[in-house]
Amino acid sequence: VAKTSQQKPTPEEIVKAVLRNFSGKDNVNAVSVFTQRLQITPNLENISAIDFVKENLQAVGQEEESRYLLVLTKNYAALKILQQTFFSERGQPEILFGSSFPKDQEYTQICRNINRVKICMETGQTVVLLNLQNLYESLYDALNQYYVCLGGQKYVDLGLGTHRVKCRVHKDFRLIVIEE
């Protein structure tokens, strides 16, 4: 924010940045650490988690990089909220569910799920991952946005074990990971 506006960030902008980057920890109140250290008193009334999610999802197609969304929740309640609040009939995301059932842990199912993510990545469709920890290693470069730019296009490596494949990343692609 400060970089683009060429001005010092307001206390509210600082708090938003702190919450966006450090709000997943229950045992640390990052906002109070920063506000005490910087000696600022921001107005916290207009700051909500839903607004952060909205900003992240509306960053589709924009030039600036936005991290993929990690939503920490209980009982996967966030999925229903996301569906009701952000996704329309036309813009439904690809939702991939995993489980601890043996068939969901098989190599062929992992390959199918990676392929579904790859197709969405290339076409710009949003993907929601629920309970798919077995995919994170394969999506490591994508989750960390380790892109290679060739001819104005972004590419990322997707992998299974030692096998890697380059995948084009559409500018509208969004990845949402929902974890308990």
N, C-alpha and C. Protein backbone atom coordinates (compact mmCIF):
# COMPACT_ATOMS: atom_id res chain seq x y z
N VAL A 1 0.84 -1.19 0.00
CA VAL A 1 0.00 0.00 0.00
C VAL A 1 0.88 1.24 0.00
N ALA A 2 1.87 1.27 0.89
CA ALA A 2 2.75 2.44 0.98
C ALA A 2 3.57 2.60 -0.29
N LYS A 3 3.95 1.48 -0.88
CA LYS A 3 4.77 1.52 -2.09
C LYS A 3 4.01 2.15 -3.26
N THR A 4 2.75 1.78 -3.43
CA THR A 4 1.98 2.32 -4.55
C THR A 4 1.51 3.75 -4.31
N SER A 5 1.20 4.10 -3.07
CA SER A 5 0.70 5.45 -2.79
C SER A 5 1.81 6.46 -2.51
N GLN A 6 3.02 5.98 -2.29
CA GLN A 6 4.16 6.85 -1.97
C GLN A 6 3.93 7.63 -0.67
N GLN A 7 3.06 7.11 0.20
CA GLN A 7 2.78 7.76 1.48
C GLN A 7 2.97 6.75 2.61
N LYS A 8 3.12 7.27 3.79
CA LYS A 8 3.25 6.44 4.98
C LYS A 8 1.90 5.74 5.22
N PRO A 9 1.90 4.44 5.55
CA PRO A 9 0.62 3.75 5.78
C PRO A 9 -0.08 4.26 7.04
N THR A 10 -1.40 4.28 6.97
CA THR A 10 -2.21 4.68 8.13
C THR A 10 -2.17 3.55 9.16
N PRO A 11 -2.54 3.84 10.41
CA PRO A 11 -2.61 2.77 11.42
C PRO A 11 -3.53 1.62 10.99
N GLU A 12 -4.65 1.95 10.34
CA GLU A 12 -5.58 0.91 9.88
C GLU A 12 -4.94 0.04 8.80
N GLU A 13 -4.19 0.65 7.89
CA GLU A 13 -3.51 -0.12 6.84
C GLU A 13 -2.44 -1.04 7.43
N ILE A 14 -1.77 -0.57 8.46
CA ILE A 14 -0.77 -1.40 9.15
C ILE A 14 -1.45 -2.60 9.79
N VAL A 15 -2.56 -2.36 10.49
CA VAL A 15 -3.29 -3.45 11.15
C VAL A 15 -3.80 -4.45 10.12
N LYS A 16 -4.32 -3.96 9.00
CA LYS A 16 -4.78 -4.87 7.95
C LYS A 16 -3.64 -5.74 7.44
N ALA A 17 -2.48 -5.15 7.25
CA ALA A 17 -1.31 -5.91 6.78
C ALA A 17 -0.90 -6.95 7.83
N VAL A 18 -0.92 -6.57 9.09
CA VAL A 18 -0.56 -7.50 10.16
C VAL A 18 -1.56 -8.65 10.21
N LEU A 19 -2.85 -8.33 10.18
CA LEU A 19 -3.88 -9.37 10.22
C LEU A 19 -3.80 -10.28 9.00
N ARG A 20 -3.57 -9.71 7.83
CA ARG A 20 -3.50 -10.49 6.61
C ARG A 20 -2.35 -11.51 6.67
N ASN A 21 -1.28 -11.14 7.34
CA ASN A 21 -0.09 -11.99 7.35
C ASN A 21 0.13 -12.80 8.61
N PHE A 22 -0.45 -12.37 9.74
CA PHE A 22 -0.14 -13.04 11.01
C PHE A 22 -1.37 -13.44 11.82
N SER A 23 -2.56 -13.45 11.26
CA SER A 23 -3.75 -13.66 12.09
C SER A 23 -4.10 -15.11 12.34
N GLY A 24 -3.33 -16.06 11.87
CA GLY A 24 -3.68 -17.47 12.07
C GLY A 24 -3.27 -18.04 13.40
N LYS A 25 -2.52 -17.31 14.18
CA LYS A 25 -2.02 -17.82 15.46
C LYS A 25 -2.93 -17.41 16.60
N ASP A 26 -3.41 -18.40 17.36
CA ASP A 26 -4.28 -18.10 18.50
C ASP A 26 -3.49 -17.66 19.73
N ASN A 27 -2.25 -18.13 19.85
CA ASN A 27 -1.48 -17.86 21.06
C ASN A 27 -0.70 -16.54 21.01
N VAL A 28 -0.77 -15.82 19.89
CA VAL A 28 -0.08 -14.54 19.77
C VAL A 28 -1.05 -13.50 19.23
N ASN A 29 -1.15 -12.38 19.91
CA ASN A 29 -1.98 -11.29 19.41
C ASN A 29 -1.06 -10.34 18.64
N ALA A 30 -0.89 -10.63 17.36
CA ALA A 30 0.05 -9.88 16.53
C ALA A 30 -0.31 -8.40 16.44
N VAL A 31 -1.60 -8.10 16.44
CA VAL A 31 -2.02 -6.70 16.33
C VAL A 31 -1.51 -5.90 17.53
N SER A 32 -1.68 -6.43 18.74
CA SER A 32 -1.22 -5.68 19.92
C SER A 32 0.31 -5.56 19.93
N VAL A 33 1.01 -6.59 19.47
CA VAL A 33 2.48 -6.52 19.39
C VAL A 33 2.89 -5.36 18.48
N PHE A 34 2.28 -5.28 17.30
CA PHE A 34 2.65 -4.23 16.35
C PHE A 34 2.18 -2.85 16.81
N THR A 35 0.95 -2.76 17.31
CA THR A 35 0.44 -1.43 17.71
C THR A 35 1.22 -0.87 18.89
N GLN A 36 1.62 -1.74 19.83
CA GLN A 36 2.43 -1.27 20.97
C GLN A 36 3.81 -0.84 20.51
N ARG A 37 4.41 -1.65 19.67
CA ARG A 37 5.78 -1.36 19.20
C ARG A 37 5.81 -0.08 18.36
N LEU A 38 4.79 0.10 17.50
CA LEU A 38 4.74 1.28 16.64
C LEU A 38 4.05 2.47 17.29
N GLN A 39 3.47 2.23 18.48
CA GLN A 39 2.76 3.26 19.23
C GLN A 39 1.67 3.92 18.38
N ILE A 40 0.77 3.07 17.88
CA ILE A 40 -0.36 3.55 17.09
C ILE A 40 -1.66 3.05 17.71
N THR A 41 -2.75 3.77 17.45
CA THR A 41 -4.07 3.34 17.93
C THR A 41 -5.05 3.36 16.76
N PRO A 42 -5.14 2.25 16.05
CA PRO A 42 -6.03 2.20 14.88
C PRO A 42 -7.49 1.97 15.28
N ASN A 43 -8.38 2.32 14.37
CA ASN A 43 -9.80 2.04 14.51
C ASN A 43 -10.03 0.63 13.96
N LEU A 44 -10.36 -0.32 14.84
CA LEU A 44 -10.50 -1.72 14.43
C LEU A 44 -11.93 -2.10 14.05
N GLU A 45 -12.88 -1.18 14.16
CA GLU A 45 -14.28 -1.50 13.92
C GLU A 45 -14.58 -1.90 12.48
N ASN A 46 -13.90 -1.30 11.52
CA ASN A 46 -14.21 -1.54 10.11
C ASN A 46 -13.36 -2.64 9.48
N ILE A 47 -12.68 -3.44 10.29
CA ILE A 47 -11.81 -4.48 9.75
C ILE A 47 -12.46 -5.84 10.01
N SER A 48 -12.71 -6.60 8.93
CA SER A 48 -13.34 -7.91 9.09
C SER A 48 -12.65 -8.97 8.23
N ALA A 49 -12.72 -10.20 8.69
CA ALA A 49 -12.11 -11.32 7.96
C ALA A 49 -12.77 -11.51 6.60
N ILE A 50 -14.07 -11.30 6.52
CA ILE A 50 -14.78 -11.45 5.24
C ILE A 50 -14.24 -10.46 4.22
N ASP A 51 -13.91 -9.25 4.65
CA ASP A 51 -13.34 -8.26 3.73
C ASP A 51 -11.97 -8.71 3.20
N PHE A 52 -11.19 -9.36 4.06
CA PHE A 52 -9.89 -9.88 3.61
C PHE A 52 -10.07 -10.95 2.54
N VAL A 53 -11.03 -11.82 2.75
CA VAL A 53 -11.30 -12.88 1.77
C VAL A 53 -11.77 -12.25 0.46
N LYS A 54 -12.67 -11.27 0.57
CA LYS A 54 -13.18 -10.59 -0.63
C LYS A 54 -12.05 -9.92 -1.41
N GLU A 55 -11.17 -9.21 -0.72
CA GLU A 55 -10.03 -8.57 -1.38
C GLU A 55 -9.15 -9.59 -2.09
N ASN A 56 -8.93 -10.72 -1.44
CA ASN A 56 -8.08 -11.76 -2.03
C ASN A 56 -8.73 -12.33 -3.28
N LEU A 57 -10.01 -12.62 -3.21
CA LEU A 57 -10.70 -13.23 -4.36
C LEU A 57 -10.91 -12.23 -5.48
N GLN A 58 -11.03 -10.95 -5.16
CA GLN A 58 -11.21 -9.94 -6.20
C GLN A 58 -9.91 -9.54 -6.87
N ALA A 59 -8.80 -10.07 -6.39
CA ALA A 59 -7.50 -9.76 -6.99
C ALA A 59 -7.28 -10.55 -8.28
N VAL A 60 -8.29 -11.28 -8.73
CA VAL A 60 -8.20 -12.09 -9.95
C VAL A 60 -7.83 -11.20 -11.13
N GLY A 61 -6.81 -11.62 -11.87
CA GLY A 61 -6.42 -10.92 -13.08
C GLY A 61 -5.63 -9.65 -12.87
N GLN A 62 -5.39 -9.27 -11.63
CA GLN A 62 -4.63 -8.05 -11.37
C GLN A 62 -3.15 -8.34 -11.48
N GLU A 63 -2.39 -7.32 -11.76
CA GLU A 63 -0.95 -7.47 -11.95
C GLU A 63 -0.22 -7.81 -10.65
N GLU A 64 -0.63 -7.21 -9.54
CA GLU A 64 0.10 -7.47 -8.31
C GLU A 64 -0.17 -8.89 -7.83
N GLU A 65 0.83 -9.46 -7.20
CA GLU A 65 0.73 -10.83 -6.70
C GLU A 65 -0.09 -10.85 -5.42
N SER A 66 -0.96 -11.82 -5.31
CA SER A 66 -1.72 -12.03 -4.11
C SER A 66 -1.57 -13.49 -3.73
N ARG A 67 -1.27 -13.75 -2.49
CA ARG A 67 -1.10 -15.14 -2.06
C ARG A 67 -2.39 -15.90 -2.25
N TYR A 68 -2.23 -17.21 -2.42
CA TYR A 68 -3.41 -18.05 -2.42
C TYR A 68 -3.97 -18.08 -1.01
N LEU A 69 -5.25 -18.30 -0.91
CA LEU A 69 -5.96 -18.14 0.34
C LEU A 69 -5.91 -19.41 1.19
N LEU A 70 -5.49 -19.28 2.43
CA LEU A 70 -5.54 -20.36 3.41
C LEU A 70 -6.56 -19.95 4.46
N VAL A 71 -7.62 -20.75 4.61
CA VAL A 71 -8.68 -20.45 5.56
C VAL A 71 -8.65 -21.51 6.65
N LEU A 72 -8.40 -21.07 7.88
CA LEU A 72 -8.41 -21.98 9.02
C LEU A 72 -9.81 -21.94 9.63
N THR A 73 -10.40 -23.12 9.83
CA THR A 73 -11.79 -23.18 10.24
C THR A 73 -12.03 -24.39 11.12
N LYS A 74 -13.19 -24.45 11.71
CA LYS A 74 -13.61 -25.64 12.45
C LYS A 74 -14.74 -26.29 11.66
N ASN A 75 -14.68 -27.59 11.52
CA ASN A 75 -15.72 -28.37 10.83
C ASN A 75 -15.97 -27.90 9.40
N TYR A 76 -14.99 -27.31 8.79
CA TYR A 76 -15.09 -26.85 7.40
C TYR A 76 -16.27 -25.91 7.17
N ALA A 77 -16.65 -25.17 8.21
CA ALA A 77 -17.76 -24.21 8.10
C ALA A 77 -17.47 -23.14 7.07
N ALA A 78 -16.21 -22.85 6.84
CA ALA A 78 -15.83 -21.79 5.90
C ALA A 78 -16.29 -22.08 4.48
N LEU A 79 -16.37 -23.35 4.10
CA LEU A 79 -16.78 -23.69 2.74
C LEU A 79 -18.18 -23.15 2.46
N LYS A 80 -19.10 -23.39 3.36
CA LYS A 80 -20.48 -22.92 3.17
C LYS A 80 -20.53 -21.39 3.11
N ILE A 81 -19.76 -20.74 3.97
CA ILE A 81 -19.72 -19.28 3.97
C ILE A 81 -19.17 -18.77 2.65
N LEU A 82 -18.09 -19.37 2.17
CA LEU A 82 -17.52 -18.97 0.88
C LEU A 82 -18.52 -19.16 -0.24
N GLN A 83 -19.21 -20.30 -0.24
CA GLN A 83 -20.18 -20.58 -1.30
C GLN A 83 -21.32 -19.57 -1.28
N GLN A 84 -21.84 -19.27 -0.11
CA GLN A 84 -22.97 -18.35 -0.01
C GLN A 84 -22.58 -16.90 -0.26
N THR A 85 -21.38 -16.53 0.13
CA THR A 85 -20.97 -15.13 0.08
C THR A 85 -20.29 -14.73 -1.22
N PHE A 86 -19.47 -15.62 -1.78
CA PHE A 86 -18.60 -15.20 -2.88
C PHE A 86 -18.83 -15.89 -4.21
N PHE A 87 -19.39 -17.07 -4.20
CA PHE A 87 -19.50 -17.80 -5.46
C PHE A 87 -20.93 -17.78 -5.97
N SER A 88 -21.08 -17.37 -7.23
CA SER A 88 -22.40 -17.32 -7.85
C SER A 88 -22.64 -18.62 -8.61
N GLU A 89 -23.83 -18.76 -9.15
CA GLU A 89 -24.15 -19.95 -9.96
C GLU A 89 -23.15 -20.12 -11.08
N ARG A 90 -22.77 -19.04 -11.67
CA ARG A 90 -21.89 -19.05 -12.83
C ARG A 90 -20.43 -19.27 -12.44
N GLY A 91 -20.05 -18.77 -11.28
CA GLY A 91 -18.65 -18.81 -10.90
C GLY A 91 -18.32 -19.81 -9.82
N GLN A 92 -19.00 -20.96 -9.81
CA GLN A 92 -18.71 -21.97 -8.80
C GLN A 92 -17.30 -22.51 -8.97
N PRO A 93 -16.57 -22.65 -7.88
CA PRO A 93 -15.22 -23.19 -7.97
C PRO A 93 -15.24 -24.71 -8.11
N GLU A 94 -14.12 -25.25 -8.48
CA GLU A 94 -13.91 -26.70 -8.45
C GLU A 94 -13.56 -27.03 -7.00
N ILE A 95 -14.38 -27.84 -6.36
CA ILE A 95 -14.15 -28.19 -4.96
C ILE A 95 -13.65 -29.63 -4.90
N LEU A 96 -12.47 -29.81 -4.33
CA LEU A 96 -11.87 -31.14 -4.21
C LEU A 96 -11.84 -31.54 -2.74
N PHE A 97 -12.50 -32.65 -2.44
CA PHE A 97 -12.53 -33.18 -1.08
C PHE A 97 -11.57 -34.35 -0.96
N GLY A 98 -10.92 -34.45 0.15
CA GLY A 98 -10.09 -35.62 0.43
C GLY A 98 -10.59 -36.27 1.69
N SER A 99 -10.11 -37.46 1.94
CA SER A 99 -10.47 -38.16 3.17
C SER A 99 -9.34 -39.10 3.54
N SER A 100 -9.49 -39.76 4.66
CA SER A 100 -8.48 -40.73 5.08
C SER A 100 -8.84 -42.13 4.60
N PHE A 101 -9.89 -42.26 3.79
CA PHE A 101 -10.22 -43.57 3.23
C PHE A 101 -9.08 -44.06 2.35
N PRO A 102 -8.80 -45.35 2.37
CA PRO A 102 -7.66 -45.88 1.60
C PRO A 102 -7.68 -45.51 0.12
N LYS A 103 -8.84 -45.54 -0.52
CA LYS A 103 -8.91 -45.23 -1.96
C LYS A 103 -8.51 -43.77 -2.25
N ASP A 104 -8.80 -42.86 -1.31
CA ASP A 104 -8.42 -41.45 -1.49
C ASP A 104 -6.93 -41.23 -1.33
N GLN A 105 -6.24 -42.18 -0.72
CA GLN A 105 -4.80 -42.06 -0.49
C GLN A 105 -3.97 -42.73 -1.59
N GLU A 106 -4.65 -43.42 -2.51
CA GLU A 106 -3.93 -44.13 -3.57
C GLU A 106 -3.31 -43.16 -4.57
N TYR A 107 -2.21 -43.61 -5.15
CA TYR A 107 -1.46 -42.81 -6.11
C TYR A 107 -2.34 -42.35 -7.27
N THR A 108 -3.21 -43.23 -7.77
CA THR A 108 -4.05 -42.86 -8.92
C THR A 108 -5.02 -41.74 -8.56
N GLN A 109 -5.56 -41.75 -7.35
CA GLN A 109 -6.48 -40.68 -6.94
C GLN A 109 -5.72 -39.37 -6.76
N ILE A 110 -4.52 -39.44 -6.23
CA ILE A 110 -3.70 -38.23 -6.09
C ILE A 110 -3.41 -37.66 -7.47
N CYS A 111 -3.09 -38.53 -8.44
CA CYS A 111 -2.84 -38.08 -9.82
C CYS A 111 -4.08 -37.42 -10.41
N ARG A 112 -5.26 -38.00 -10.18
CA ARG A 112 -6.51 -37.41 -10.68
C ARG A 112 -6.72 -36.01 -10.10
N ASN A 113 -6.50 -35.89 -8.80
CA ASN A 113 -6.69 -34.59 -8.14
C ASN A 113 -5.69 -33.55 -8.65
N ILE A 114 -4.44 -33.95 -8.83
CA ILE A 114 -3.43 -33.03 -9.37
C ILE A 114 -3.84 -32.60 -10.77
N ASN A 115 -4.33 -33.54 -11.56
CA ASN A 115 -4.76 -33.21 -12.93
C ASN A 115 -5.94 -32.23 -12.91
N ARG A 116 -6.88 -32.40 -11.99
CA ARG A 116 -8.00 -31.47 -11.89
C ARG A 116 -7.51 -30.07 -11.52
N VAL A 117 -6.55 -30.00 -10.59
CA VAL A 117 -5.97 -28.70 -10.23
C VAL A 117 -5.27 -28.10 -11.44
N LYS A 118 -4.53 -28.92 -12.18
CA LYS A 118 -3.78 -28.46 -13.35
C LYS A 118 -4.72 -27.86 -14.40
N ILE A 119 -5.82 -28.52 -14.67
CA ILE A 119 -6.79 -28.03 -15.65
C ILE A 119 -7.36 -26.68 -15.21
N CYS A 120 -7.71 -26.57 -13.93
CA CYS A 120 -8.23 -25.30 -13.41
C CYS A 120 -7.17 -24.21 -13.46
N MET A 121 -5.93 -24.58 -13.18
CA MET A 121 -4.83 -23.62 -13.21
C MET A 121 -4.66 -23.06 -14.62
N GLU A 122 -4.80 -23.91 -15.62
CA GLU A 122 -4.62 -23.48 -17.01
C GLU A 122 -5.80 -22.69 -17.54
N THR A 123 -7.00 -22.96 -17.02
CA THR A 123 -8.20 -22.30 -17.53
C THR A 123 -8.65 -21.11 -16.68
N GLY A 124 -8.04 -20.92 -15.51
CA GLY A 124 -8.39 -19.77 -14.68
C GLY A 124 -9.54 -20.00 -13.74
N GLN A 125 -9.91 -21.25 -13.52
CA GLN A 125 -11.00 -21.54 -12.59
C GLN A 125 -10.47 -21.64 -11.17
N THR A 126 -11.25 -21.18 -10.21
CA THR A 126 -10.88 -21.25 -8.80
C THR A 126 -11.00 -22.68 -8.30
N VAL A 127 -10.05 -23.09 -7.46
CA VAL A 127 -10.06 -24.43 -6.87
C VAL A 127 -10.09 -24.29 -5.35
N VAL A 128 -10.95 -25.08 -4.70
CA VAL A 128 -10.99 -25.15 -3.25
C VAL A 128 -10.54 -26.55 -2.84
N LEU A 129 -9.53 -26.62 -1.99
CA LEU A 129 -9.02 -27.91 -1.50
C LEU A 129 -9.44 -28.08 -0.04
N LEU A 130 -10.08 -29.22 0.24
CA LEU A 130 -10.48 -29.55 1.60
C LEU A 130 -9.90 -30.90 1.97
N ASN A 131 -9.19 -30.96 3.07
CA ASN A 131 -8.65 -32.21 3.59
C ASN A 131 -7.80 -32.94 2.56
N LEU A 132 -6.96 -32.22 1.87
CA LEU A 132 -6.11 -32.82 0.83
C LEU A 132 -4.63 -32.59 1.11
N GLN A 133 -4.23 -32.90 2.33
CA GLN A 133 -2.83 -32.73 2.72
C GLN A 133 -1.90 -33.54 1.81
N ASN A 134 -2.40 -34.65 1.26
CA ASN A 134 -1.54 -35.48 0.40
C ASN A 134 -1.22 -34.82 -0.94
N LEU A 135 -1.84 -33.67 -1.24
CA LEU A 135 -1.53 -32.94 -2.48
C LEU A 135 -0.51 -31.82 -2.28
N TYR A 136 -0.32 -31.37 -1.06
CA TYR A 136 0.48 -30.17 -0.83
C TYR A 136 1.91 -30.31 -1.33
N GLU A 137 2.50 -31.49 -1.17
CA GLU A 137 3.87 -31.68 -1.66
C GLU A 137 3.91 -31.50 -3.18
N SER A 138 2.92 -32.04 -3.87
CA SER A 138 2.86 -31.91 -5.33
C SER A 138 2.61 -30.47 -5.77
N LEU A 139 1.93 -29.72 -4.93
CA LEU A 139 1.59 -28.33 -5.25
C LEU A 139 2.53 -27.33 -4.59
N TYR A 140 3.64 -27.81 -4.06
CA TYR A 140 4.56 -26.97 -3.30
C TYR A 140 4.94 -25.69 -4.05
N ASP A 141 5.39 -25.82 -5.29
CA ASP A 141 5.81 -24.64 -6.05
C ASP A 141 4.63 -23.71 -6.34
N ALA A 142 3.45 -24.28 -6.57
CA ALA A 142 2.27 -23.45 -6.82
C ALA A 142 1.86 -22.70 -5.55
N LEU A 143 1.83 -23.41 -4.41
CA LEU A 143 1.44 -22.77 -3.16
C LEU A 143 2.40 -21.66 -2.75
N ASN A 144 3.66 -21.81 -3.11
CA ASN A 144 4.67 -20.80 -2.79
C ASN A 144 4.90 -19.82 -3.94
N GLN A 145 4.14 -19.98 -5.00
CA GLN A 145 4.18 -19.11 -6.18
C GLN A 145 5.59 -18.99 -6.76
N TYR A 146 6.25 -20.14 -6.88
CA TYR A 146 7.56 -20.19 -7.54
C TYR A 146 7.33 -20.31 -9.04
N TYR A 147 7.03 -19.19 -9.66
CA TYR A 147 6.71 -19.16 -11.08
C TYR A 147 7.96 -18.96 -11.93
N VAL A 148 7.86 -19.46 -13.15
CA VAL A 148 8.85 -19.16 -14.18
C VAL A 148 8.08 -18.40 -15.25
N CYS A 149 8.61 -17.26 -15.69
CA CYS A 149 7.94 -16.47 -16.72
C CYS A 149 8.61 -16.70 -18.05
N LEU A 150 7.83 -17.14 -19.03
CA LEU A 150 8.30 -17.37 -20.39
C LEU A 150 7.32 -16.73 -21.35
N GLY A 151 7.79 -15.82 -22.18
CA GLY A 151 6.92 -15.18 -23.16
C GLY A 151 5.73 -14.47 -22.55
N GLY A 152 5.91 -13.88 -21.38
CA GLY A 152 4.82 -13.15 -20.74
C GLY A 152 3.83 -14.04 -20.00
N GLN A 153 4.06 -15.34 -20.00
CA GLN A 153 3.18 -16.29 -19.30
C GLN A 153 3.87 -16.85 -18.08
N LYS A 154 3.09 -17.15 -17.04
CA LYS A 154 3.64 -17.77 -15.83
C LYS A 154 3.46 -19.28 -15.93
N TYR A 155 4.49 -19.99 -15.49
CA TYR A 155 4.46 -21.45 -15.43
C TYR A 155 4.94 -21.88 -14.06
N VAL A 156 4.45 -23.03 -13.61
CA VAL A 156 4.86 -23.56 -12.31
C VAL A 156 5.03 -25.08 -12.45
N ASP A 157 5.90 -25.64 -11.65
CA ASP A 157 6.10 -27.09 -11.63
C ASP A 157 5.08 -27.74 -10.71
N LEU A 158 4.43 -28.78 -11.23
CA LEU A 158 3.59 -29.65 -10.41
C LEU A 158 4.30 -30.99 -10.39
N GLY A 159 4.29 -31.67 -9.26
CA GLY A 159 5.07 -32.90 -9.23
C GLY A 159 4.45 -34.00 -8.41
N LEU A 160 4.86 -35.21 -8.77
CA LEU A 160 4.53 -36.41 -8.00
C LEU A 160 5.82 -37.18 -7.84
N GLY A 161 6.33 -37.21 -6.62
CA GLY A 161 7.62 -37.85 -6.40
C GLY A 161 8.70 -37.11 -7.15
N THR A 162 9.41 -37.83 -8.01
CA THR A 162 10.49 -37.20 -8.79
C THR A 162 10.01 -36.68 -10.13
N HIS A 163 8.77 -36.99 -10.51
CA HIS A 163 8.23 -36.55 -11.80
C HIS A 163 7.68 -35.13 -11.67
N ARG A 164 8.12 -34.22 -12.54
CA ARG A 164 7.65 -32.83 -12.54
C ARG A 164 7.11 -32.48 -13.92
N VAL A 165 6.08 -31.65 -13.93
CA VAL A 165 5.53 -31.18 -15.20
C VAL A 165 5.26 -29.68 -15.07
N LYS A 166 5.58 -28.93 -16.11
CA LYS A 166 5.32 -27.48 -16.12
C LYS A 166 3.84 -27.26 -16.45
N CYS A 167 3.25 -26.33 -15.75
CA CYS A 167 1.84 -26.01 -15.97
C CYS A 167 1.71 -24.50 -16.12
N ARG A 168 0.97 -24.08 -17.13
CA ARG A 168 0.70 -22.65 -17.32
C ARG A 168 -0.28 -22.20 -16.25
N VAL A 169 -0.02 -21.03 -15.68
CA VAL A 169 -0.89 -20.48 -14.64
C VAL A 169 -1.67 -19.31 -15.23
N HIS A 170 -2.96 -19.50 -15.41
CA HIS A 170 -3.85 -18.46 -15.93
C HIS A 170 -3.89 -17.30 -14.95
N LYS A 171 -3.99 -16.09 -15.45
CA LYS A 171 -3.99 -14.89 -14.58
C LYS A 171 -5.18 -14.86 -13.62
N ASP A 172 -6.27 -15.55 -13.94
CA ASP A 172 -7.45 -15.55 -13.08
C ASP A 172 -7.50 -16.72 -12.10
N PHE A 173 -6.51 -17.58 -12.14
CA PHE A 173 -6.52 -18.77 -11.28
C PHE A 173 -6.38 -18.37 -9.81
N ARG A 174 -7.22 -18.95 -8.97
CA ARG A 174 -7.15 -18.76 -7.52
C ARG A 174 -7.21 -20.13 -6.87
N LEU A 175 -6.47 -20.28 -5.80
CA LEU A 175 -6.43 -21.53 -5.04
C LEU A 175 -6.79 -21.21 -3.60
N ILE A 176 -7.76 -21.94 -3.08
CA ILE A 176 -8.19 -21.74 -1.70
C ILE A 176 -8.00 -23.06 -0.97
N VAL A 177 -7.25 -23.03 0.12
CA VAL A 177 -7.03 -24.21 0.95
C VAL A 177 -7.80 -24.00 2.24
N ILE A 178 -8.70 -24.93 2.55
CA ILE A 178 -9.47 -24.86 3.79
C ILE A 178 -8.96 -25.97 4.71
N GLU A 179 -8.52 -25.58 5.89
CA GLU A 179 -7.96 -26.52 6.86
C GLU A 179 -8.61 -26.33 8.22
N GLU A 180 -8.69 -27.43 8.95
CA GLU A 180 -9.20 -27.37 10.33
C GLU A 180 -8.08 -27.03 11.27
